[in-house]
């Protein structure tokens, strides 16, 4: 039955198939470049704490380049019709398929360690820089945190909603230098839903969150949600690319066996 397909099919179908590779490649390259650039150029902590998003952007670019090159090679193979080119294309498809799957699982296996390392690094930065206005890094870091907390309606960067990490920062020591024990400021204004003492003087951050005085979510929770989103996006990208590669491999095998070039007169 397959051998009875019209010659036009063997010309049009592969061009559409390889054209989809080119389109896929362009989309992946564009989306990966946007992700990588956004994170690498970001001037706030969000760009730093979106764990692995830069690597995933670069991975998408890699997948896109592979698809783009495979699409171009596929069209060239279809137009030239040399048998050795089909075998070379099959080898390239298999290699790309295996590489994309291995890359995805590598990123996924390292995810837990990446999250842990990032959490520890951010904690160290908070303890060292937040509220330390004596150095430029401290001033810039403090502004980053305050802007992020206000914009994202979150509070704290410990990853634990009941922990008030601000109590161990330079900010807490400096802002309470002249305050008495009954008026100890524990949270910055950027953490508060409104400028009330129930927030700024809160002794129990968890209770203040539940009462609605403090932003409900720890900022790390918000930031790490993006990580799960990138993992899912990577899974979808790898899955769709794998399906395209498998379909193409099946097509090439069928073409070599039943296509018009399968006879002894096929180009060598």
Foldseek 3Di string as FASTA:
>chain_A
DLLPDDQVCLQPVLLVLLVVLQVQLVVLLVQLVVQLCCLVVPLACLSVLLFCSNVLSVLSNVSSVLSNVLSVLSNVCSVVQAPVSLVVSLVSLVVSLVVLVVVLVVCVVCVVVRNVVSLVVVLVCQLEQQQPPPDPSNVSRNVRVLVCLQVVLAAARNQDQFDQSQCNHPNQCVVCVPPDPVQRFRGDPSQFPDPDCCHRVPPTRCVCLVVRGGRVHHVSVVSHVSNVVSSVVSVVSSVVSNVSSVVSSVVSVSCCCNNPLVDPVRHD
